[in-house]
Protein backbone atom coordinates (compact mmCIF):
# COMPACT_ATOMS: atom_id res chain seq x y z
CA GLY A 1 -14.68 32.88 -99.46
CA GLN A 2 -13.65 30.71 -96.53
CA ALA A 3 -17.08 30.99 -94.88
CA SER A 4 -18.82 30.01 -98.10
CA ALA A 5 -16.51 27.05 -98.69
CA ALA A 6 -16.97 25.93 -95.09
CA SER A 7 -20.76 26.05 -95.38
CA GLU A 8 -20.70 24.10 -98.64
CA SER A 9 -18.61 21.35 -97.00
CA ASN A 10 -20.76 21.40 -93.86
CA PRO A 11 -24.36 20.34 -94.62
CA VAL A 12 -25.56 21.60 -91.24
CA ALA A 13 -24.09 25.08 -91.80
CA ALA A 14 -25.43 25.19 -95.36
CA ALA A 15 -28.92 24.25 -94.17
CA LEU A 16 -28.76 26.86 -91.42
CA ALA A 17 -27.68 29.55 -93.92
CA ARG A 18 -30.62 28.66 -96.18
CA SER A 19 -32.96 28.81 -93.19
CA HIS A 20 -31.74 32.27 -92.16
CA PHE A 21 -32.03 33.44 -95.78
CA ALA A 22 -35.61 32.14 -96.13
CA GLN A 23 -36.55 33.77 -92.83
CA GLY A 24 -35.05 37.04 -94.03
CA LEU A 25 -37.18 36.93 -97.18
CA LYS A 26 -40.30 36.43 -95.06
CA HIS A 27 -39.38 39.50 -93.00
CA LEU A 28 -38.85 41.51 -96.20
CA ASP A 29 -42.33 40.56 -97.42
CA LYS A 30 -43.76 41.88 -94.13
CA ASP A 31 -41.63 45.08 -94.16
CA GLU A 32 -39.91 43.88 -91.00
CA TRP A 33 -36.62 45.48 -91.89
CA ARG A 34 -34.69 45.04 -88.64
CA GLN A 35 -35.58 41.38 -88.37
CA ALA A 36 -34.64 40.93 -92.02
CA VAL A 37 -31.23 42.51 -91.39
CA THR A 38 -30.61 40.14 -88.49
CA SER A 39 -31.57 37.08 -90.56
CA PHE A 40 -29.51 38.08 -93.60
CA GLN A 41 -26.49 38.94 -91.46
CA SER A 42 -26.70 35.48 -89.90
CA ALA A 43 -26.90 33.91 -93.36
CA LEU A 44 -24.02 36.06 -94.58
CA GLN A 45 -21.74 34.79 -91.81
CA LEU A 46 -22.35 31.25 -92.99
CA ARG A 47 -22.54 31.87 -96.73
CA PRO A 48 -21.49 35.33 -98.02
CA SER A 49 -23.18 35.12 -101.41
CA PRO A 50 -24.17 38.08 -103.65
CA GLU A 51 -27.85 37.12 -103.25
CA VAL A 52 -27.63 37.39 -99.46
CA ARG A 53 -25.75 40.69 -99.72
CA PHE A 54 -28.34 42.17 -102.07
CA ASN A 55 -31.26 41.35 -99.81
CA LEU A 56 -29.30 42.61 -96.80
CA SER A 57 -28.56 45.88 -98.60
CA THR A 58 -32.26 46.25 -99.43
CA ALA A 59 -33.26 45.91 -95.77
CA LEU A 60 -30.48 48.26 -94.63
CA SER A 61 -31.61 50.83 -97.20
CA GLU A 62 -35.16 50.72 -95.85
CA LEU A 63 -33.78 51.43 -92.37
CA GLY A 64 -31.90 54.48 -93.65
CA GLN A 65 -28.52 52.81 -93.13
CA VAL A 66 -27.26 54.02 -96.50
CA LYS A 67 -23.53 53.63 -95.83
CA ALA A 68 -23.91 50.03 -94.68
CA ALA A 69 -26.14 49.23 -97.66
CA LEU A 70 -23.60 50.75 -100.05
CA LEU A 71 -20.86 48.58 -98.55
CA GLN A 72 -22.84 45.44 -99.34
CA VAL A 73 -23.67 46.64 -102.87
CA ASP A 74 -20.03 47.44 -103.60
CA ASN A 75 -19.06 43.97 -102.40
CA ILE A 76 -21.53 42.50 -104.89
CA LEU A 77 -20.15 44.56 -107.77
CA ALA A 78 -16.61 43.50 -106.85
CA ASP A 79 -17.57 39.81 -106.74
CA PRO A 80 -16.78 38.06 -110.06
CA THR A 81 -19.15 35.23 -109.13
CA ALA A 82 -22.20 37.52 -108.94
CA ARG A 83 -24.91 36.62 -111.44
CA LYS A 84 -25.67 39.14 -114.17
CA ASP A 85 -29.19 39.85 -112.91
CA VAL A 86 -27.97 40.36 -109.34
CA ARG A 87 -25.21 42.68 -110.59
CA HIS A 88 -27.71 44.76 -112.59
CA ALA A 89 -30.06 44.99 -109.62
CA ALA A 90 -27.13 46.03 -107.40
CA ASP A 91 -26.14 48.71 -109.91
CA ALA A 92 -29.66 50.15 -109.87
CA LEU A 93 -29.82 50.06 -106.08
CA ARG A 94 -26.44 51.78 -105.83
CA VAL A 95 -27.64 54.75 -107.89
CA GLY A 96 -30.46 55.36 -105.44
CA LEU A 97 -28.25 54.90 -102.40
CA VAL A 98 -25.62 57.35 -103.62
CA ALA A 99 -28.36 59.93 -104.26
CA ARG A 100 -29.54 59.57 -100.64
CA LEU A 101 -26.12 59.70 -99.03
CA GLY A 102 -25.46 62.88 -97.06
CA LYS A 103 -22.16 64.66 -96.54
CA ILE A 104 -20.64 66.86 -93.87
CA VAL A 105 -17.93 69.27 -95.06
CA VAL A 106 -15.59 70.81 -92.49
CA GLN A 107 -13.54 73.93 -93.19
CA SER A 108 -11.34 76.07 -90.98
CA SER A 109 -10.33 79.70 -91.40
CA ASN A 110 -6.85 78.66 -90.29
CA PRO A 111 -5.59 75.75 -92.44
CA GLU A 112 -2.72 75.25 -89.99
CA ASP A 113 -5.10 74.28 -87.20
CA ILE A 114 -4.52 70.82 -85.81
CA LEU A 115 -8.03 69.48 -85.45
CA SER A 116 -9.75 66.27 -84.50
CA ILE A 117 -13.25 65.74 -85.83
CA ALA A 118 -15.59 62.99 -84.71
CA ILE A 119 -19.05 62.22 -86.04
CA ASP A 120 -21.21 60.10 -83.76
CA ALA A 121 -18.10 59.42 -81.64
CA GLN A 122 -16.17 58.07 -84.64
CA PHE A 123 -13.05 60.01 -85.61
CA THR A 124 -12.89 60.90 -89.30
CA ASP A 125 -10.16 60.92 -91.93
CA GLN A 126 -8.82 64.44 -92.50
CA ASP A 127 -8.68 63.80 -96.25
CA LEU A 128 -12.49 63.70 -96.27
CA TRP A 129 -13.12 66.98 -94.45
CA VAL A 130 -13.17 69.20 -97.54
CA ALA A 131 -14.47 66.61 -100.01
CA GLY A 132 -17.24 65.65 -97.61
CA ILE A 133 -17.58 63.02 -94.90
CA PRO A 134 -20.29 60.58 -96.03
CA VAL A 135 -23.10 60.10 -93.51
CA ASP A 136 -26.51 58.51 -93.40
CA PRO A 137 -29.49 60.87 -93.55
CA GLY A 138 -30.56 61.88 -90.06
CA THR A 139 -29.22 63.62 -86.98
CA HIS A 140 -25.52 63.37 -86.19
CA GLN A 141 -23.40 64.51 -83.26
CA VAL A 142 -20.37 66.41 -84.52
CA SER A 143 -17.45 67.10 -82.18
CA VAL A 144 -14.52 69.30 -83.21
CA SER A 145 -11.52 69.66 -80.93
CA ARG A 146 -8.29 71.64 -81.16
CA VAL A 147 -5.22 71.37 -78.97
CA ASP A 148 -5.64 74.89 -77.51
CA ALA A 149 -9.43 75.22 -77.33
CA PRO A 150 -12.41 73.47 -75.79
CA ALA A 151 -14.22 70.93 -77.94
CA LEU A 152 -17.17 72.23 -79.92
CA GLN A 153 -20.20 70.00 -80.23
CA LYS A 154 -23.32 70.28 -82.32
CA GLN A 155 -26.16 68.11 -83.48
CA VAL A 156 -26.40 68.38 -87.26
CA ASP A 157 -29.49 67.36 -89.21
CA VAL A 158 -28.62 65.98 -92.66
CA GLN A 159 -31.39 65.46 -95.17
CA PRO A 160 -31.12 62.75 -97.88
CA GLY A 161 -28.61 63.86 -100.50
CA GLN A 162 -27.75 67.04 -98.58
CA THR A 163 -24.27 68.45 -97.98
CA VAL A 164 -23.94 70.40 -94.72
CA MET A 165 -20.95 72.70 -94.26
CA ILE A 166 -19.38 73.33 -90.87
CA GLU A 167 -16.96 76.25 -90.77
CA LEU A 168 -14.56 76.95 -87.91
CA VAL A 169 -13.74 80.64 -87.68
CA ALA A 170 -10.86 81.77 -85.47
CA PRO A 171 -11.76 84.80 -83.32
CA VAL A 172 -10.08 88.15 -83.94
CA ALA A 173 -7.19 88.71 -81.54
CA ALA A 174 -8.39 91.00 -78.74
CA PRO A 175 -8.20 91.24 -74.95
CA VAL A 176 -10.44 88.65 -73.40
CA SER A 177 -13.40 90.10 -71.54
CA PHE A 178 -16.84 88.92 -70.51
CA ALA A 179 -18.17 90.16 -73.85
CA GLN A 180 -15.45 88.52 -75.94
CA PRO A 181 -15.67 84.72 -76.39
CA ALA A 182 -12.30 83.04 -75.92
CA ALA A 183 -13.21 79.91 -77.82
CA ASN A 184 -13.46 79.46 -81.57
CA GLU A 185 -16.74 80.22 -83.23
CA PHE A 186 -18.52 77.25 -84.68
CA LYS A 187 -20.66 78.05 -87.70
CA GLU A 188 -22.83 75.63 -89.59
CA LYS A 189 -23.91 76.48 -93.15
CA PRO A 190 -26.69 74.26 -94.46
CA THR A 191 -27.55 74.26 -98.13
CA VAL A 192 -29.07 77.52 -99.32
CA ASN A 193 -32.61 76.21 -99.44
CA ARG A 194 -32.58 75.50 -95.68
CA GLY A 195 -32.48 79.27 -95.00
CA TRP A 196 -30.96 79.34 -91.52
CA MET A 197 -27.59 79.62 -89.83
CA TRP A 198 -26.31 78.50 -86.43
CA TRP A 199 -23.65 80.37 -84.51
CA ALA A 200 -21.98 79.43 -81.24
CA ALA A 201 -19.00 80.51 -79.22
CA GLY A 202 -17.73 77.39 -77.56
CA LEU A 203 -20.87 75.69 -76.23
CA ALA A 204 -22.97 78.85 -76.08
CA GLY A 205 -26.55 79.22 -77.25
CA THR A 206 -27.94 79.28 -80.76
CA ALA A 207 -29.59 81.86 -82.96
CA LEU A 208 -31.93 81.36 -85.89
CA VAL A 209 -32.05 84.00 -88.62
């Protein structure tokens, strides 16, 4: 790439890239994952080589940043200059990363609903709602909004490799009263082995069953 060519023609940049890379390896040896990420990212800006990407993906994986690690691995596998041993190692790492990747599936009882869905304040592609929105393992803030209803928000805990389903159920038409929620119900269905369900009307309370 342009950055790699520039570093090769600039001895100072090349030396700095090697220094960042060596520092990143030292951090890896000490399990200092965040510092390793910073060092490898600095090296990558100067010399985006498959070797740098692989070590960066390793550190990102240890931090639970599975999506970011997968991006680096896929870049390695798409790079025709990647050495055979690096490519094989990236293939093996990718298998483990894919197995850890979580998904959030969003379904609506009314397919004609015009919805906006954001996960951790990032709006998502509608094409991924049913297939599953890939997420890192951990806790995520899900916000679902519709043009004629208040936004629904929920923290969703996604375990490694787990698919969590969020279902929007339109309320039955009835006169609005204090006992009848006016907003859509927001129902989260974890995988069967989790054994619990969360219900809410708008931003109301939760119930465990």
